[in-house]
All heavy atoms as atom14 arrays in JSON, in Angstrom:
{
  "sequence": "KYDLSEEEIKPYFQLDNLVQGMFWSAGQLYGLEFKENTGAVPV",
  "atom14_mask": [
    [1, 1, 1, 1, 1, 1, 1, 1, 1, 0, 0, 0, 0, 0],
    [1, 1, 1, 1, 1, 1, 1, 1, 1, 1, 1, 1, 0, 0],
    [1, 1, 1, 1, 1, 1, 1, 1, 0, 0, 0, 0, 0, 0],
    [1, 1, 1, 1, 1, 1, 1, 1, 0, 0, 0, 0, 0, 0],
    [1, 1, 1, 1, 1, 1, 0, 0, 0, 0, 0, 0, 0, 0],
    [1, 1, 1, 1, 1, 1, 1, 1, 1, 0, 0, 0, 0, 0],
    [1, 1, 1, 1, 1, 1, 1, 1, 1, 0, 0, 0, 0, 0],
    [1, 1, 1, 1, 1, 1, 1, 1, 1, 0, 0, 0, 0, 0],
    [1, 1, 1, 1, 1, 1, 1, 1, 0, 0, 0, 0, 0, 0],
    [1, 1, 1, 1, 1, 1, 1, 1, 1, 0, 0, 0, 0, 0],
    [1, 1, 1, 1, 1, 1, 1, 0, 0, 0, 0, 0, 0, 0],
    [1, 1, 1, 1, 1, 1, 1, 1, 1, 1, 1, 1, 0, 0],
    [1, 1, 1, 1, 1, 1, 1, 1, 1, 1, 1, 0, 0, 0],
    [1, 1, 1, 1, 1, 1, 1, 1, 1, 0, 0, 0, 0, 0],
    [1, 1, 1, 1, 1, 1, 1, 1, 0, 0, 0, 0, 0, 0],
    [1, 1, 1, 1, 1, 1, 1, 1, 0, 0, 0, 0, 0, 0],
    [1, 1, 1, 1, 1, 1, 1, 1, 0, 0, 0, 0, 0, 0],
    [1, 1, 1, 1, 1, 1, 1, 1, 0, 0, 0, 0, 0, 0],
    [1, 1, 1, 1, 1, 1, 1, 0, 0, 0, 0, 0, 0, 0],
    [1, 1, 1, 1, 1, 1, 1, 1, 1, 0, 0, 0, 0, 0],
    [1, 1, 1, 1, 0, 0, 0, 0, 0, 0, 0, 0, 0, 0],
    [1, 1, 1, 1, 1, 1, 1, 1, 0, 0, 0, 0, 0, 0],
    [1, 1, 1, 1, 1, 1, 1, 1, 1, 1, 1, 0, 0, 0],
    [1, 1, 1, 1, 1, 1, 1, 1, 1, 1, 1, 1, 1, 1],
    [1, 1, 1, 1, 1, 1, 0, 0, 0, 0, 0, 0, 0, 0],
    [1, 1, 1, 1, 1, 0, 0, 0, 0, 0, 0, 0, 0, 0],
    [1, 1, 1, 1, 0, 0, 0, 0, 0, 0, 0, 0, 0, 0],
    [1, 1, 1, 1, 1, 1, 1, 1, 1, 0, 0, 0, 0, 0],
    [1, 1, 1, 1, 1, 1, 1, 1, 0, 0, 0, 0, 0, 0],
    [1, 1, 1, 1, 1, 1, 1, 1, 1, 1, 1, 1, 0, 0],
    [1, 1, 1, 1, 0, 0, 0, 0, 0, 0, 0, 0, 0, 0],
    [1, 1, 1, 1, 1, 1, 1, 1, 0, 0, 0, 0, 0, 0],
    [1, 1, 1, 1, 1, 1, 1, 1, 1, 0, 0, 0, 0, 0],
    [1, 1, 1, 1, 1, 1, 1, 1, 1, 1, 1, 0, 0, 0],
    [1, 1, 1, 1, 1, 1, 1, 1, 1, 0, 0, 0, 0, 0],
    [1, 1, 1, 1, 1, 1, 1, 1, 1, 0, 0, 0, 0, 0],
    [1, 1, 1, 1, 1, 1, 1, 1, 0, 0, 0, 0, 0, 0],
    [1, 1, 1, 1, 1, 1, 1, 0, 0, 0, 0, 0, 0, 0],
    [1, 1, 1, 1, 0, 0, 0, 0, 0, 0, 0, 0, 0, 0],
    [1, 1, 1, 1, 1, 0, 0, 0, 0, 0, 0, 0, 0, 0],
    [1, 1, 1, 1, 1, 1, 1, 0, 0, 0, 0, 0, 0, 0],
    [1, 1, 1, 1, 1, 1, 1, 0, 0, 0, 0, 0, 0, 0],
    [1, 1, 1, 1, 1, 1, 1, 0, 0, 0, 0, 0, 0, 0]
  ],
  "atom14_positions": [
    [[70.59, 135.49, 82.6], [71.98, 135.09, 82.58], [72.61, 135.16, 81.24], [73.77, 135.54, 81.05], [72.13, 133.65, 83.11], [72.32, 133.53, 84.61], [72.76, 132.12, 84.96], [73.16, 132.02, 86.42], [73.68, 130.67, 86.75], [0.0, 0.0, 0.0], [0.0, 0.0, 0.0], [0.0, 0.0, 0.0], [0.0, 0.0, 0.0], [0.0, 0.0, 0.0]],
    [[71.84, 134.78, 80.21], [72.4, 134.63, 78.9], [71.71, 135.47, 77.83], [72.05, 135.37, 76.65], [72.35, 133.17, 78.47], [73.03, 132.22, 79.39], [72.31, 131.49, 80.34], [74.42, 132.1, 79.41], [72.95, 130.62, 81.23], [75.07, 131.24, 80.29], [74.36, 130.53, 81.2], [74.96, 129.67, 82.1], [0.0, 0.0, 0.0], [0.0, 0.0, 0.0]],
    [[70.75, 136.28, 78.27], [69.99, 137.09, 77.36], [69.4, 136.2, 76.25], [69.44, 136.5, 75.07], [70.81, 138.23, 76.71], [69.96, 139.22, 75.92], [68.77, 139.34, 76.25], [70.48, 139.8, 74.96], [0.0, 0.0, 0.0], [0.0, 0.0, 0.0], [0.0, 0.0, 0.0], [0.0, 0.0, 0.0], [0.0, 0.0, 0.0], [0.0, 0.0, 0.0]],
    [[68.89, 135.02, 76.66], [68.43, 134.0, 75.73], [67.09, 133.47, 76.2], [66.93, 133.14, 77.35], [69.46, 132.87, 75.64], [69.09, 131.72, 74.7], [69.09, 132.19, 73.26], [70.11, 130.57, 74.9], [0.0, 0.0, 0.0], [0.0, 0.0, 0.0], [0.0, 0.0, 0.0], [0.0, 0.0, 0.0], [0.0, 0.0, 0.0], [0.0, 0.0, 0.0]],
    [[66.17, 133.37, 75.24], [64.86, 132.79, 75.55], [64.46, 131.86, 74.46], [64.9, 132.02, 73.29], [63.78, 133.88, 75.64], [62.48, 133.35, 75.65], [0.0, 0.0, 0.0], [0.0, 0.0, 0.0], [0.0, 0.0, 0.0], [0.0, 0.0, 0.0], [0.0, 0.0, 0.0], [0.0, 0.0, 0.0], [0.0, 0.0, 0.0], [0.0, 0.0, 0.0]],
    [[63.7, 130.79, 74.82], [63.2, 129.9, 73.79], [62.47, 130.61, 72.68], [62.52, 130.25, 71.51], [62.26, 128.86, 74.44], [62.96, 127.68, 75.07], [63.43, 126.64, 74.1], [63.38, 126.86, 72.84], [63.93, 125.58, 74.53], [0.0, 0.0, 0.0], [0.0, 0.0, 0.0], [0.0, 0.0, 0.0], [0.0, 0.0, 0.0], [0.0, 0.0, 0.0]],
    [[61.75, 131.72, 73.07], [60.98, 132.43, 72.07], [61.87, 133.2, 71.08], [61.45, 133.56, 70.0], [60.02, 133.41, 72.75], [58.83, 132.74, 73.35], [58.07, 131.9, 72.36], [57.35, 132.47, 71.51], [58.22, 130.63, 72.38], [0.0, 0.0, 0.0], [0.0, 0.0, 0.0], [0.0, 0.0, 0.0], [0.0, 0.0, 0.0], [0.0, 0.0, 0.0]],
    [[63.15, 133.39, 71.48], [64.1, 134.0, 70.52], [64.63, 132.98, 69.54], [64.98, 133.3, 68.37], [65.26, 134.6, 71.35], [66.25, 135.4, 70.49], [67.34, 136.03, 71.38], [67.39, 135.76, 72.61], [68.23, 136.71, 70.8], [0.0, 0.0, 0.0], [0.0, 0.0, 0.0], [0.0, 0.0, 0.0], [0.0, 0.0, 0.0], [0.0, 0.0, 0.0]],
    [[64.65, 131.7, 69.94], [65.15, 130.61, 69.1], [64.11, 130.1, 68.14], [64.38, 129.89, 66.95], [65.68, 129.46, 69.98], [66.8, 129.94, 70.91], [66.12, 128.29, 69.1], [67.21, 128.92, 71.96], [0.0, 0.0, 0.0], [0.0, 0.0, 0.0], [0.0, 0.0, 0.0], [0.0, 0.0, 0.0], [0.0, 0.0, 0.0], [0.0, 0.0, 0.0]],
    [[62.88, 129.95, 68.61], [61.83, 129.29, 67.83], [61.58, 129.87, 66.42], [61.34, 129.13, 65.47], [60.49, 129.22, 68.6], [60.52, 128.15, 69.69], [59.21, 128.16, 70.47], [58.03, 127.7, 69.63], [56.82, 127.53, 70.44], [0.0, 0.0, 0.0], [0.0, 0.0, 0.0], [0.0, 0.0, 0.0], [0.0, 0.0, 0.0], [0.0, 0.0, 0.0]],
    [[61.64, 131.2, 66.24], [61.41, 131.69, 64.87], [62.36, 131.18, 63.82], [62.09, 131.17, 62.63], [61.53, 133.24, 65.02], [61.2, 133.48, 66.47], [61.76, 132.28, 67.19], [0.0, 0.0, 0.0], [0.0, 0.0, 0.0], [0.0, 0.0, 0.0], [0.0, 0.0, 0.0], [0.0, 0.0, 0.0], [0.0, 0.0, 0.0], [0.0, 0.0, 0.0]],
    [[63.54, 130.71, 64.29], [64.57, 130.16, 63.37], [64.42, 128.66, 63.17], [65.06, 128.07, 62.34], [65.93, 130.5, 63.85], [66.29, 131.96, 63.85], [66.09, 132.74, 64.97], [66.76, 132.55, 62.66], [66.37, 134.12, 64.95], [66.99, 133.94, 62.66], [66.83, 134.69, 63.8], [67.11, 136.06, 63.76], [0.0, 0.0, 0.0], [0.0, 0.0, 0.0]],
    [[63.56, 128.02, 64.03], [63.42, 126.58, 63.97], [62.08, 126.2, 63.39], [61.14, 125.76, 64.06], [63.59, 125.96, 65.37], [65.01, 125.82, 65.78], [65.3, 125.31, 67.04], [66.05, 126.1, 64.95], [66.62, 125.09, 67.46], [67.38, 125.93, 65.34], [67.67, 125.45, 66.6], [0.0, 0.0, 0.0], [0.0, 0.0, 0.0], [0.0, 0.0, 0.0]],
    [[61.95, 126.45, 62.06], [60.75, 126.04, 61.34], [60.89, 124.55, 60.95], [61.92, 124.14, 60.4], [60.54, 126.91, 60.1], [59.26, 126.62, 59.37], [58.98, 127.64, 58.28], [59.76, 128.55, 58.06], [57.83, 127.43, 57.57], [0.0, 0.0, 0.0], [0.0, 0.0, 0.0], [0.0, 0.0, 0.0], [0.0, 0.0, 0.0], [0.0, 0.0, 0.0]],
    [[59.89, 123.78, 61.25], [60.0, 122.35, 61.14], [60.45, 121.89, 59.75], [61.34, 121.03, 59.62], [58.68, 121.69, 61.5], [58.64, 120.16, 61.52], [59.65, 119.56, 62.47], [57.24, 119.66, 61.85], [0.0, 0.0, 0.0], [0.0, 0.0, 0.0], [0.0, 0.0, 0.0], [0.0, 0.0, 0.0], [0.0, 0.0, 0.0], [0.0, 0.0, 0.0]],
    [[59.85, 122.38, 58.72], [60.21, 121.94, 57.37], [61.68, 122.2, 57.08], [62.35, 121.37, 56.43], [59.33, 122.64, 56.31], [57.91, 122.05, 56.28], [57.68, 121.0, 56.85], [57.02, 122.71, 55.67], [0.0, 0.0, 0.0], [0.0, 0.0, 0.0], [0.0, 0.0, 0.0], [0.0, 0.0, 0.0], [0.0, 0.0, 0.0], [0.0, 0.0, 0.0]],
    [[62.21, 123.35, 57.5], [63.6, 123.61, 57.28], [64.52, 122.66, 58.08], [65.53, 122.25, 57.58], [63.9, 125.05, 57.7], [63.36, 126.07, 56.75], [62.96, 125.75, 55.61], [63.26, 127.32, 57.16], [0.0, 0.0, 0.0], [0.0, 0.0, 0.0], [0.0, 0.0, 0.0], [0.0, 0.0, 0.0], [0.0, 0.0, 0.0], [0.0, 0.0, 0.0]],
    [[64.1, 122.37, 59.29], [64.88, 121.46, 60.08], [64.89, 120.03, 59.49], [65.91, 119.35, 59.55], [64.33, 121.37, 61.53], [64.52, 122.65, 62.37], [63.83, 122.46, 63.72], [66.03, 122.96, 62.57], [0.0, 0.0, 0.0], [0.0, 0.0, 0.0], [0.0, 0.0, 0.0], [0.0, 0.0, 0.0], [0.0, 0.0, 0.0], [0.0, 0.0, 0.0]],
    [[63.77, 119.61, 58.93], [63.74, 118.31, 58.26], [64.75, 118.32, 57.11], [65.51, 117.32, 56.93], [62.33, 118.0, 57.73], [62.34, 116.8, 56.76], [61.4, 117.74, 58.89], [0.0, 0.0, 0.0], [0.0, 0.0, 0.0], [0.0, 0.0, 0.0], [0.0, 0.0, 0.0], [0.0, 0.0, 0.0], [0.0, 0.0, 0.0], [0.0, 0.0, 0.0]],
    [[64.78, 119.38, 56.33], [65.78, 119.47, 55.26], [67.2, 119.45, 55.83], [68.14, 118.93, 55.21], [65.5, 120.68, 54.42], [64.23, 120.61, 53.6], [64.17, 119.4, 52.72], [65.1, 119.02, 52.04], [63.02, 118.72, 52.77], [0.0, 0.0, 0.0], [0.0, 0.0, 0.0], [0.0, 0.0, 0.0], [0.0, 0.0, 0.0], [0.0, 0.0, 0.0]],
    [[67.37, 120.13, 56.99], [68.7, 120.16, 57.6], [69.17, 118.78, 58.06], [70.33, 118.44, 57.87], [0.0, 0.0, 0.0], [0.0, 0.0, 0.0], [0.0, 0.0, 0.0], [0.0, 0.0, 0.0], [0.0, 0.0, 0.0], [0.0, 0.0, 0.0], [0.0, 0.0, 0.0], [0.0, 0.0, 0.0], [0.0, 0.0, 0.0], [0.0, 0.0, 0.0]],
    [[68.27, 117.97, 58.57], [68.71, 116.64, 59.0], [69.0, 115.78, 57.82], [69.89, 114.95, 57.84], [67.66, 116.02, 59.97], [66.35, 115.62, 59.33], [65.16, 115.06, 60.62], [63.96, 114.27, 59.58], [0.0, 0.0, 0.0], [0.0, 0.0, 0.0], [0.0, 0.0, 0.0], [0.0, 0.0, 0.0], [0.0, 0.0, 0.0], [0.0, 0.0, 0.0]],
    [[68.22, 115.95, 56.75], [68.54, 115.24, 55.5], [69.92, 115.61, 54.97], [70.71, 114.78, 54.55], [67.5, 115.51, 54.44], [66.12, 114.91, 54.7], [65.0, 115.33, 54.01], [65.97, 113.87, 55.62], [63.75, 114.77, 54.24], [64.73, 113.32, 55.87], [63.61, 113.77, 55.19], [0.0, 0.0, 0.0], [0.0, 0.0, 0.0], [0.0, 0.0, 0.0]],
    [[70.18, 116.93, 54.95], [71.44, 117.44, 54.46], [72.61, 116.89, 55.23], [73.66, 116.45, 54.65], [71.47, 118.96, 54.48], [72.74, 119.58, 53.93], [73.04, 119.84, 52.62], [73.86, 120.0, 54.72], [74.31, 120.4, 52.57], [74.81, 120.51, 53.82], [74.15, 119.94, 56.08], [76.05, 121.01, 54.24], [75.37, 120.46, 56.51], [76.3, 120.97, 55.6]],
    [[72.5, 116.89, 56.55], [73.54, 116.32, 57.42], [73.78, 114.86, 57.09], [74.97, 114.42, 57.01], [73.14, 116.46, 58.9], [73.04, 117.78, 59.26], [0.0, 0.0, 0.0], [0.0, 0.0, 0.0], [0.0, 0.0, 0.0], [0.0, 0.0, 0.0], [0.0, 0.0, 0.0], [0.0, 0.0, 0.0], [0.0, 0.0, 0.0], [0.0, 0.0, 0.0]],
    [[72.75, 114.09, 56.89], [72.9, 112.67, 56.57], [73.66, 112.49, 55.26], [74.43, 111.53, 55.07], [71.57, 111.96, 56.51], [0.0, 0.0, 0.0], [0.0, 0.0, 0.0], [0.0, 0.0, 0.0], [0.0, 0.0, 0.0], [0.0, 0.0, 0.0], [0.0, 0.0, 0.0], [0.0, 0.0, 0.0], [0.0, 0.0, 0.0], [0.0, 0.0, 0.0]],
    [[73.41, 113.42, 54.34], [74.14, 113.39, 53.07], [75.59, 113.68, 53.22], [76.47, 113.0, 52.64], [0.0, 0.0, 0.0], [0.0, 0.0, 0.0], [0.0, 0.0, 0.0], [0.0, 0.0, 0.0], [0.0, 0.0, 0.0], [0.0, 0.0, 0.0], [0.0, 0.0, 0.0], [0.0, 0.0, 0.0], [0.0, 0.0, 0.0], [0.0, 0.0, 0.0]],
    [[75.91, 114.66, 54.03], [77.3, 115.03, 54.23], [78.08, 113.94, 54.94], [79.24, 113.69, 54.65], [77.41, 116.34, 55.07], [76.78, 117.56, 54.4], [77.45, 117.85, 53.08], [78.66, 118.11, 53.02], [76.69, 117.86, 51.99], [0.0, 0.0, 0.0], [0.0, 0.0, 0.0], [0.0, 0.0, 0.0], [0.0, 0.0, 0.0], [0.0, 0.0, 0.0]],
    [[77.43, 113.3, 55.88], [78.11, 112.29, 56.71], [78.14, 110.89, 56.07], [79.18, 110.18, 56.12], [77.43, 112.18, 58.08], [77.55, 113.43, 58.97], [76.51, 113.38, 60.06], [78.97, 113.51, 59.55], [0.0, 0.0, 0.0], [0.0, 0.0, 0.0], [0.0, 0.0, 0.0], [0.0, 0.0, 0.0], [0.0, 0.0, 0.0], [0.0, 0.0, 0.0]],
    [[77.02, 110.47, 55.45], [76.87, 109.09, 55.03], [76.52, 108.91, 53.56], [76.28, 107.79, 53.12], [75.78, 108.4, 55.89], [75.94, 108.68, 57.37], [75.01, 109.45, 58.03], [77.03, 108.22, 58.09], [75.11, 109.71, 59.4], [77.18, 108.49, 59.44], [76.22, 109.26, 60.06], [76.36, 109.52, 61.4], [0.0, 0.0, 0.0], [0.0, 0.0, 0.0]],
    [[76.46, 110.02, 52.82], [76.14, 109.93, 51.41], [74.68, 109.61, 51.09], [74.34, 109.24, 49.97], [0.0, 0.0, 0.0], [0.0, 0.0, 0.0], [0.0, 0.0, 0.0], [0.0, 0.0, 0.0], [0.0, 0.0, 0.0], [0.0, 0.0, 0.0], [0.0, 0.0, 0.0], [0.0, 0.0, 0.0], [0.0, 0.0, 0.0], [0.0, 0.0, 0.0]],
    [[73.78, 109.76, 52.07], [72.35, 109.5, 51.86], [71.64, 110.73, 51.33], [71.92, 111.82, 51.73], [71.71, 109.09, 53.18], [72.19, 107.8, 53.83], [71.58, 107.64, 55.21], [71.87, 106.6, 52.97], [0.0, 0.0, 0.0], [0.0, 0.0, 0.0], [0.0, 0.0, 0.0], [0.0, 0.0, 0.0], [0.0, 0.0, 0.0], [0.0, 0.0, 0.0]],
    [[70.78, 110.54, 50.34], [69.99, 111.61, 49.74], [68.53, 111.32, 49.93], [68.11, 110.16, 49.72], [70.36, 111.81, 48.24], [71.79, 112.27, 48.07], [72.09, 112.57, 46.61], [71.16, 112.53, 45.77], [73.29, 112.73, 46.25], [0.0, 0.0, 0.0], [0.0, 0.0, 0.0], [0.0, 0.0, 0.0], [0.0, 0.0, 0.0], [0.0, 0.0, 0.0]],
    [[67.74, 112.33, 50.25], [66.31, 112.13, 50.49], [65.51, 113.02, 49.54], [65.71, 114.24, 49.44], [65.96, 112.53, 51.95], [66.59, 111.65, 52.98], [67.95, 111.75, 53.31], [65.8, 110.7, 53.59], [68.49, 110.91, 54.26], [66.35, 109.86, 54.58], [67.69, 109.97, 54.91], [0.0, 0.0, 0.0], [0.0, 0.0, 0.0], [0.0, 0.0, 0.0]],
    [[64.61, 112.39, 48.8], [63.78, 113.12, 47.84], [62.36, 112.8, 48.14], [61.91, 111.68, 48.13], [64.1, 112.67, 46.4], [63.29, 113.41, 45.32], [63.69, 112.95, 43.96], [62.85, 113.71, 42.87], [63.21, 113.27, 41.5], [0.0, 0.0, 0.0], [0.0, 0.0, 0.0], [0.0, 0.0, 0.0], [0.0, 0.0, 0.0], [0.0, 0.0, 0.0]],
    [[61.53, 113.84, 48.39], [60.13, 113.64, 48.76], [59.38, 113.01, 47.61], [59.48, 113.46, 46.45], [59.49, 114.94, 49.23], [58.05, 114.72, 49.7], [57.56, 115.8, 50.64], [58.23, 116.82, 50.8], [56.5, 115.57, 51.28], [0.0, 0.0, 0.0], [0.0, 0.0, 0.0], [0.0, 0.0, 0.0], [0.0, 0.0, 0.0], [0.0, 0.0, 0.0]],
    [[58.57, 112.0, 47.96], [57.71, 111.37, 46.95], [56.35, 111.1, 47.56], [55.66, 110.15, 47.2], [58.35, 110.09, 46.45], [58.46, 108.99, 47.52], [58.33, 109.29, 48.72], [58.7, 107.76, 47.12], [0.0, 0.0, 0.0], [0.0, 0.0, 0.0], [0.0, 0.0, 0.0], [0.0, 0.0, 0.0], [0.0, 0.0, 0.0], [0.0, 0.0, 0.0]],
    [[55.93, 111.99, 48.46], [54.59, 111.86, 49.06], [53.52, 111.76, 48.0], [53.49, 112.53, 47.04], [54.3, 113.07, 49.97], [55.28, 113.14, 50.98], [52.92, 112.95, 50.6], [0.0, 0.0, 0.0], [0.0, 0.0, 0.0], [0.0, 0.0, 0.0], [0.0, 0.0, 0.0], [0.0, 0.0, 0.0], [0.0, 0.0, 0.0], [0.0, 0.0, 0.0]],
    [[52.66, 110.71, 48.11], [51.65, 110.48, 47.12], [51.98, 109.29, 46.22], [51.11, 108.75, 45.54], [0.0, 0.0, 0.0], [0.0, 0.0, 0.0], [0.0, 0.0, 0.0], [0.0, 0.0, 0.0], [0.0, 0.0, 0.0], [0.0, 0.0, 0.0], [0.0, 0.0, 0.0], [0.0, 0.0, 0.0], [0.0, 0.0, 0.0], [0.0, 0.0, 0.0]],
    [[53.27, 108.96, 46.2], [53.74, 107.87, 45.33], [53.48, 106.48, 45.92], [53.38, 105.47, 45.19], [55.18, 108.01, 45.01], [0.0, 0.0, 0.0], [0.0, 0.0, 0.0], [0.0, 0.0, 0.0], [0.0, 0.0, 0.0], [0.0, 0.0, 0.0], [0.0, 0.0, 0.0], [0.0, 0.0, 0.0], [0.0, 0.0, 0.0], [0.0, 0.0, 0.0]],
    [[53.37, 106.41, 47.27], [53.14, 105.13, 47.91], [52.01, 105.35, 48.95], [51.81, 106.47, 49.43], [54.39, 104.62, 48.67], [55.5, 104.29, 47.62], [54.87, 105.57, 49.72], [0.0, 0.0, 0.0], [0.0, 0.0, 0.0], [0.0, 0.0, 0.0], [0.0, 0.0, 0.0], [0.0, 0.0, 0.0], [0.0, 0.0, 0.0], [0.0, 0.0, 0.0]],
    [[51.3, 104.29, 49.33], [50.22, 104.43, 50.3], [50.79, 104.87, 51.66], [51.9, 104.46, 52.05], [49.62, 103.02, 50.39], [50.04, 102.34, 49.12], [51.34, 102.89, 48.81], [0.0, 0.0, 0.0], [0.0, 0.0, 0.0], [0.0, 0.0, 0.0], [0.0, 0.0, 0.0], [0.0, 0.0, 0.0], [0.0, 0.0, 0.0], [0.0, 0.0, 0.0]],
    [[50.0, 105.61, 52.43], [50.34, 106.0, 53.81], [49.16, 105.68, 54.74], [48.02, 105.55, 54.26], [50.76, 107.48, 53.89], [52.04, 107.74, 53.13], [49.63, 108.37, 53.31], [0.0, 0.0, 0.0], [0.0, 0.0, 0.0], [0.0, 0.0, 0.0], [0.0, 0.0, 0.0], [0.0, 0.0, 0.0], [0.0, 0.0, 0.0], [0.0, 0.0, 0.0]]
  ]
}
């Protein structure tokens, strides 16, 4: 119907990029900034 498959979309949806995208959106909307500090606190 739409010449569209999930497999056509997935190559553009790399998880690390999407994480940065959600951070960027939060910055644009609410002024929040996210800076990775993995290793600085216990997990």
